[in-house]
Protein backbone atom coordinates (compact mmCIF):
# COMPACT_ATOMS: atom_id res chain seq x y z
CA UNK A 1 0.00 0.00 0.00
CA UNK A 2 1.50 3.33 -1.07
CA UNK A 3 0.81 5.63 1.90
CA UNK A 4 2.99 8.37 0.42
CA UNK A 5 0.72 8.59 -2.61
CA UNK A 6 -2.26 9.57 -0.45
CA UNK A 7 -0.76 12.99 0.29
CA UNK A 8 -0.08 13.50 -3.43
CA UNK A 9 -3.69 12.69 -4.31
CA UNK A 10 -4.95 15.15 -1.68
CA UNK A 11 -2.86 18.08 -2.91
CA UNK A 12 -5.96 20.01 -4.05
CA UNK A 13 -8.21 18.92 -1.18
CA UNK A 14 -8.83 20.94 2.01
CA UNK A 15 -6.64 19.99 4.98
CA UNK A 16 -9.51 18.48 6.94
CA UNK A 17 -9.84 15.77 4.29
CA UNK A 18 -6.42 14.43 5.26
CA UNK A 19 -7.52 14.32 8.90
CA UNK A 20 -10.65 12.39 7.92
CA UNK A 21 -8.60 9.92 5.89
CA UNK A 22 -6.06 9.43 8.67
CA UNK A 23 -8.81 8.63 11.17
CA UNK A 24 -10.49 6.22 8.76
CA UNK A 25 -7.26 4.40 7.93
CA UNK A 26 -5.17 4.45 11.12
CA UNK A 27 -7.84 4.42 13.83
CA UNK A 28 -10.97 2.91 12.25
CA UNK A 29 -8.97 0.47 10.09
CA UNK A 30 -11.52 0.51 7.29
CA UNK A 31 -11.47 -2.42 4.85
CA UNK A 32 -12.24 -0.30 1.78
CA UNK A 33 -12.27 3.40 1.00
CA UNK A 34 -15.96 2.98 0.28
CA UNK A 35 -16.38 2.46 4.04
CA UNK A 36 -15.10 6.01 4.67
CA UNK A 37 -18.56 7.50 4.26
CA UNK A 38 -17.40 10.83 5.65
CA UNK A 39 -15.56 11.38 2.34
CA UNK A 40 -17.26 12.47 -0.90
CA UNK A 41 -18.08 9.60 -3.26
CA UNK A 42 -15.74 10.97 -5.92
CA UNK A 43 -12.75 11.04 -3.58
CA UNK A 44 -13.57 7.56 -2.27
CA UNK A 45 -13.58 6.25 -5.82
CA UNK A 46 -10.29 7.98 -6.60
CA UNK A 47 -8.61 6.52 -3.53
CA UNK A 48 -10.04 3.06 -4.20
CA UNK A 49 -8.56 3.14 -7.69
CA UNK A 50 -5.20 4.77 -6.97
CA UNK A 51 -4.40 3.58 -3.42
CA UNK A 52 -6.48 0.49 -2.60
CA UNK A 53 -6.28 -0.72 1.00
CA UNK A 54 -4.19 -3.81 0.33
CA UNK A 55 -0.82 -5.01 1.58
CA UNK A 56 1.87 -6.78 -0.44
CA UNK A 57 3.15 -8.91 2.44
CA UNK A 58 4.02 -12.59 2.90
CA UNK A 59 3.28 -13.96 6.37
CA UNK A 60 4.98 -16.71 8.37
CA UNK A 61 3.59 -17.58 11.81
CA UNK A 62 5.31 -19.64 14.50
CA UNK A 63 3.50 -22.91 15.38
CA UNK A 64 2.47 -21.55 18.77
CA UNK A 65 1.25 -18.29 17.25
CA UNK A 66 3.43 -16.15 19.51
CA UNK A 67 5.38 -14.64 16.61
CA UNK A 68 4.37 -13.61 13.11
CA UNK A 69 7.05 -12.56 10.63
CA UNK A 70 6.17 -10.70 7.45
CA UNK A 71 8.08 -9.88 4.30
CA UNK A 72 7.03 -6.49 2.97
CA UNK A 73 7.52 -5.91 -0.75
CA UNK A 74 8.47 -2.32 -1.51
CA UNK A 75 7.50 -0.38 -4.68
CA UNK A 76 11.04 -0.69 -6.08
CA UNK A 77 11.02 -4.49 -5.77
CA UNK A 78 13.10 -4.68 -2.59
CA UNK A 79 11.90 -6.36 0.59
CA UNK A 80 12.12 -5.90 4.34
CA UNK A 81 11.00 -8.02 7.26
CA UNK A 82 9.15 -7.11 10.43
CA UNK A 83 7.81 -9.18 13.31
CA UNK A 84 4.77 -9.20 15.58
CA UNK A 85 5.42 -10.62 19.05
CA UNK A 86 2.32 -11.63 21.01
CA UNK A 87 2.84 -11.54 24.77
CA UNK A 88 0.59 -13.01 27.42
CA UNK A 89 -2.17 -10.69 28.50
CA UNK A 90 -2.80 -9.30 25.03
CA UNK A 91 0.29 -7.10 24.82
CA UNK A 92 1.41 -6.97 21.19
CA UNK A 93 4.81 -5.65 20.09
CA UNK A 94 5.87 -4.91 16.52
CA UNK A 95 9.57 -5.02 15.67
CA UNK A 96 10.05 -2.70 12.69
CA UNK A 97 12.86 -2.33 10.18
CA UNK A 98 14.33 1.06 9.30
CA UNK A 99 16.62 0.11 6.40
CA UNK A 100 16.84 -2.43 3.61
CA UNK A 101 19.91 -4.30 4.78
CA UNK A 102 22.39 -2.73 7.20
CA UNK A 103 25.89 -1.24 6.82
CA UNK A 104 27.20 -2.30 10.24
CA UNK A 105 27.83 -6.04 9.66
CA UNK A 106 27.76 -7.10 13.31
CA UNK A 107 28.87 -10.73 13.53
CA UNK A 108 25.72 -11.88 15.35
CA UNK A 109 23.28 -10.38 12.84
CA UNK A 110 22.23 -11.90 9.51
CA UNK A 111 20.92 -8.57 8.17
CA UNK A 112 24.43 -7.17 7.93
CA UNK A 113 25.47 -9.98 5.61
CA UNK A 114 23.51 -8.41 2.74
CA UNK A 115 25.03 -4.98 3.34
CA UNK A 116 23.27 -1.64 3.11
CA UNK A 117 20.87 -1.11 0.21
CA UNK A 118 18.76 1.92 1.16
CA UNK A 119 16.87 3.72 3.90
CA UNK A 120 13.14 3.26 4.31
CA UNK A 121 11.06 6.41 4.15
CA UNK A 122 8.85 7.12 7.14
CA UNK A 123 5.73 5.84 5.39
CA UNK A 124 7.42 2.49 4.71
CA UNK A 125 8.19 2.21 8.41
CA UNK A 126 4.63 3.17 9.33
CA UNK A 127 3.14 0.64 6.91
CA UNK A 128 4.75 -2.21 8.85
CA UNK A 129 2.76 -1.16 11.92
CA UNK A 130 -0.39 -0.55 9.89
CA UNK A 131 -0.27 -4.06 8.43
CA UNK A 132 -0.12 -5.64 11.88
CA UNK A 133 -2.91 -3.34 13.10
CA UNK A 134 -5.13 -4.80 10.37
CA UNK A 135 -3.81 -8.30 11.08
CA UNK A 136 -4.77 -8.07 14.75
CA UNK A 137 -8.14 -6.58 13.92
CA UNK A 138 -8.98 -9.56 11.73
CA UNK A 139 -7.52 -12.05 14.20
CA UNK A 140 -9.59 -10.70 17.06
CA UNK A 141 -12.84 -10.55 15.09
CA UNK A 142 -15.42 -13.29 15.34
CA UNK A 143 -16.91 -14.84 12.24
CA UNK A 144 -20.17 -12.98 12.76
CA UNK A 145 -19.35 -9.76 14.50
CA UNK A 146 -16.28 -7.55 14.72
CA UNK A 147 -15.17 -6.50 18.16
CA UNK A 148 -15.38 -2.86 19.12
CA UNK A 149 -12.33 -0.61 19.10
CA UNK A 150 -12.08 -0.91 22.91
CA UNK A 151 -12.04 -4.72 22.96
CA UNK A 152 -10.16 -5.74 19.83
CA UNK A 153 -6.45 -6.52 19.90
CA UNK A 154 -4.16 -3.67 18.89
CA UNK A 155 -0.46 -2.91 18.57
CA UNK A 156 0.70 -1.74 22.01
CA UNK A 157 4.47 -1.44 21.59
CA UNK A 158 6.93 -0.58 18.81
CA UNK A 159 10.61 -1.53 18.86
CA UNK A 160 13.04 -0.29 16.22
CA UNK A 161 15.09 -3.47 16.37
CA UNK A 162 14.49 -4.96 12.93
CA UNK A 163 16.66 -4.63 9.83
CA UNK A 164 19.01 -1.65 9.80
CA UNK A 165 20.55 0.87 12.18
CA UNK A 166 17.79 3.38 13.08
CA UNK A 167 20.22 6.19 13.86
CA UNK A 168 21.63 5.99 10.32
CA UNK A 169 18.13 6.75 9.03
CA UNK A 170 17.50 9.31 11.71
CA UNK A 171 15.10 11.77 10.06
CA UNK A 172 12.72 9.10 8.76
CA UNK A 173 12.77 7.23 12.07
CA UNK A 174 11.91 10.39 14.02
CA UNK A 175 9.11 11.22 11.55
CA UNK A 176 7.73 7.70 11.95
CA UNK A 177 7.88 7.91 15.76
CA UNK A 178 6.00 11.20 15.84
CA UNK A 179 3.41 9.80 13.41
CA UNK A 180 2.89 6.63 15.45
CA UNK A 181 2.67 8.63 18.67
CA UNK A 182 0.17 11.16 17.29
CA UNK A 183 -3.15 10.87 19.17
CA UNK A 184 -5.06 11.47 15.93
CA UNK A 185 -3.26 8.62 14.16
CA UNK A 186 -1.99 5.45 15.88
CA UNK A 187 -1.86 7.01 19.36
CA UNK A 188 0.88 4.64 20.57
CA UNK A 189 2.36 6.05 23.78
CA UNK A 190 5.91 7.35 23.51
CA UNK A 191 6.99 5.19 26.44
CA UNK A 192 5.80 2.17 24.47
CA UNK A 193 8.26 2.94 21.66
CA UNK A 194 11.92 1.84 21.85
CA UNK A 195 14.83 2.61 19.54
CA UNK A 196 17.89 0.36 19.52
CA UNK A 197 21.23 1.64 18.26
CA UNK A 198 24.72 0.22 17.94
CA UNK A 199 25.90 3.35 19.73
CA UNK A 200 26.62 6.47 17.66
CA UNK A 201 27.49 9.20 20.18
CA UNK A 202 26.68 12.24 18.06
CA UNK A 203 23.24 10.84 17.19
CA UNK A 204 22.53 9.89 20.81
CA UNK A 205 23.24 13.54 21.62
CA UNK A 206 20.84 14.67 18.89
CA UNK A 207 18.21 12.19 20.07
CA UNK A 208 18.34 13.62 23.60
CA UNK A 209 17.10 16.96 22.25
CA UNK A 210 13.99 15.62 20.51
CA UNK A 211 11.73 16.01 23.56
CA UNK A 212 10.40 12.50 23.05
CA UNK A 213 9.66 10.15 25.94
CA UNK A 214 10.64 7.09 23.92
CA UNK A 215 13.05 4.45 25.22
CA UNK A 216 16.70 4.25 24.17
CA UNK A 217 18.49 0.90 23.88
CA UNK A 218 22.22 0.62 23.18
CA UNK A 219 23.63 -2.60 21.74
CA UNK A 220 26.77 -2.88 23.88
CA UNK A 221 27.71 -6.59 23.85
CA UNK A 222 31.02 -6.07 25.61
CA UNK A 223 32.55 -3.50 27.98
CA UNK A 224 35.95 -4.28 26.45
CA UNK A 225 36.83 -2.37 23.27
CA UNK A 226 38.98 -5.13 21.82
CA UNK A 227 36.22 -7.73 22.14
CA UNK A 228 33.53 -5.29 21.04
CA UNK A 229 35.46 -4.56 17.85
CA UNK A 230 35.37 -8.28 17.04
CA UNK A 231 31.61 -8.32 17.50
CA UNK A 232 30.70 -4.94 16.01
CA UNK A 233 32.95 -3.33 13.38
CA UNK A 234 31.47 0.11 14.17
CA UNK A 235 33.29 -0.11 17.52
CA UNK A 236 36.50 0.69 15.64
CA UNK A 237 35.13 4.22 15.26
CA UNK A 238 33.34 4.61 18.60
CA UNK A 239 35.08 3.32 21.75
CA UNK A 240 32.96 2.21 24.69
CA UNK A 241 34.07 5.14 26.87
CA UNK A 242 32.81 7.66 24.30
CA UNK A 243 29.43 5.93 24.06
CA UNK A 244 29.01 5.75 27.83
CA UNK A 245 29.87 9.42 28.26
CA UNK A 246 27.17 10.38 25.77
CA UNK A 247 24.67 8.02 27.43
CA UNK A 248 25.41 9.73 30.76
CA UNK A 249 24.61 13.08 29.16
CA UNK A 250 21.44 11.62 27.65
CA UNK A 251 20.26 10.38 31.05
CA UNK A 252 21.06 13.70 32.73
CA UNK A 253 19.09 15.58 30.08
CA UNK A 254 16.08 13.27 29.77
CA UNK A 255 15.99 11.42 33.11
CA UNK A 256 15.17 8.34 31.03
CA UNK A 257 16.42 4.87 31.95
CA UNK A 258 18.59 3.31 29.23
CA UNK A 259 18.67 -0.35 28.24
CA UNK A 260 22.02 -1.93 27.33
CA UNK A 261 21.55 -4.96 25.10
CA UNK A 262 24.04 -7.79 25.49
CA UNK A 263 24.10 -10.70 23.03
CA UNK A 264 25.48 -13.74 24.87
CA UNK A 265 28.07 -15.50 22.67
CA UNK A 266 29.90 -18.55 24.00
CA UNK A 267 33.56 -17.99 24.96
CA UNK A 268 33.58 -14.51 23.46
CA UNK A 269 31.78 -12.09 25.77
CA UNK A 270 30.36 -14.24 28.58
CA UNK A 271 33.23 -14.48 31.07
CA UNK A 272 33.12 -13.61 34.77
CA UNK A 273 35.78 -10.96 34.17
CA UNK A 274 33.62 -9.18 31.58
CA UNK A 275 30.65 -9.26 33.93
CA UNK A 276 32.78 -7.56 36.59
CA UNK A 277 34.01 -5.03 34.03
CA UNK A 278 30.41 -4.33 33.04
CA UNK A 279 29.53 -3.59 36.67
CA UNK A 280 32.31 -0.99 36.87
CA UNK A 281 31.24 0.55 33.56
CA UNK A 282 27.51 0.84 34.27
CA UNK A 283 27.32 0.98 38.05
CA UNK A 284 26.50 4.69 38.32
CA UNK A 285 24.04 4.86 35.42
CA UNK A 286 20.24 4.86 35.40
CA UNK A 287 20.11 1.72 33.28
CA UNK A 288 19.55 -2.01 33.06
CA UNK A 289 21.14 -4.81 31.05
CA UNK A 290 19.05 -6.96 28.72
CA UNK A 291 20.75 -10.33 28.14
CA UNK A 292 19.94 -11.83 24.74
CA UNK A 293 20.69 -15.49 23.92
CA UNK A 294 22.51 -15.68 20.59
CA UNK A 295 20.23 -16.94 17.81
CA UNK A 296 22.58 -17.24 14.83
CA UNK A 297 22.88 -20.16 12.46
CA UNK A 298 25.14 -18.98 9.64
CA UNK A 299 28.54 -18.82 11.31
CA UNK A 300 30.80 -20.53 13.82
CA UNK A 301 29.52 -18.58 16.82
CA UNK A 302 27.70 -20.54 19.50
CA UNK A 303 25.11 -19.42 22.07
CA UNK A 304 26.20 -19.17 25.68
CA UNK A 305 24.94 -22.22 27.64
CA UNK A 306 22.06 -21.72 30.07
CA UNK A 307 24.19 -22.20 33.18
CA UNK A 308 26.73 -19.64 32.00
CA UNK A 309 23.98 -17.08 31.27
CA UNK A 310 22.61 -17.60 34.77
CA UNK A 311 26.06 -17.14 36.29
CA UNK A 312 26.72 -13.99 34.25
CA UNK A 313 23.36 -12.61 35.33
CA UNK A 314 23.97 -13.42 39.00
CA UNK A 315 27.31 -11.62 38.95
CA UNK A 316 25.69 -8.50 37.49
CA UNK A 317 22.79 -8.56 39.93
CA UNK A 318 25.09 -9.10 42.90
CA UNK A 319 27.02 -6.07 41.68
CA UNK A 320 23.90 -3.91 41.76
CA UNK A 321 23.03 -4.02 38.05
CA UNK A 322 19.37 -4.56 37.11
CA UNK A 323 19.09 -7.38 34.57
CA UNK A 324 16.36 -8.70 32.29
CA UNK A 325 16.52 -11.47 29.73
CA UNK A 326 15.04 -11.38 26.24
CA UNK A 327 12.33 -13.96 25.65
CA UNK A 328 13.20 -15.97 22.53
CA UNK A 329 10.37 -14.98 20.20
CA UNK A 330 10.32 -16.29 16.64
CA UNK A 331 13.43 -18.45 16.65
CA UNK A 332 11.57 -21.24 14.80
CA UNK A 333 10.70 -18.92 11.89
CA UNK A 334 14.03 -17.01 11.75
CA UNK A 335 12.37 -13.98 13.33
CA UNK A 336 14.39 -13.74 16.55
CA UNK A 337 16.98 -11.11 17.37
CA UNK A 338 19.63 -10.94 14.64
CA UNK A 339 17.86 -13.34 12.26
CA UNK A 340 16.06 -10.96 9.89
CA UNK A 341 17.23 -11.36 6.32
CA UNK A 342 15.19 -11.90 3.19
CA UNK A 343 16.99 -14.42 1.03
CA UNK A 344 15.58 -13.21 -2.29
CA UNK A 345 16.76 -9.61 -1.88
């Protein structure tokens, strides 16, 4: 669905028409433009012809239904993947992509293997969320009667943790966040939106000035520069100390708690010594560490064993660091952390 084209088609229409269309599409989730009875018949027909409400997506659901991965075909023939994660209690999170491919080539991530192709525009980011909004609407509808807006399942959380480095597509990501947060559009709370970055200090600084209450996550993966450079080539440009200093400034300016992501890779970054080093590095920060079991399958890296993860976590917690662990959504459909890559790109 070409969301960008809608604005072009409305160039000669009064501004309130755009507001009516946005409500019909993003809040009411109409099935056809003909359902937008607030619009004149002529405009409805024009939209139905030029921008039909249809999505060019392939869907792959995990057997348990907890994860749904989609491949989104873009107008230029390229593809990106995004994932819906269904939590207990009806909390639904969409993991969106911000780029086709990724230039960073982190060793734990399959996306980097295809390299960087292009940035997504903000409408292409938004469409990923819109698709899953429609998906959940249909999934939560009975055969006879659709549930009301208050009772049907909706997208509750957005994480920019799919394909690409969000901070290398900064302007489009910020536009998408503001759009998704807008009360007249998706109305997703800012504190329910998270952006994950490999750690680009000058962009973290810029992000701190956006006056957004969204969550910042930094993919750290090692407190040791030498080891981090093995895991993430971008670390050759940005040492850990420089990233941490900018995160400190971010916290002071926003008073927002920061998440440090830590992919657990056997015999590379899971030692007791690195856990102790992590305590010294993060001890004074308003933050927590999110441990992520390695999910890769295309290289010689191995996931840290369960006992070793538990020991690493215990060391951190005993040192005063708050720790969470990423639930392994979508591993069976190659939709888990670091697994997004579309083989026919």
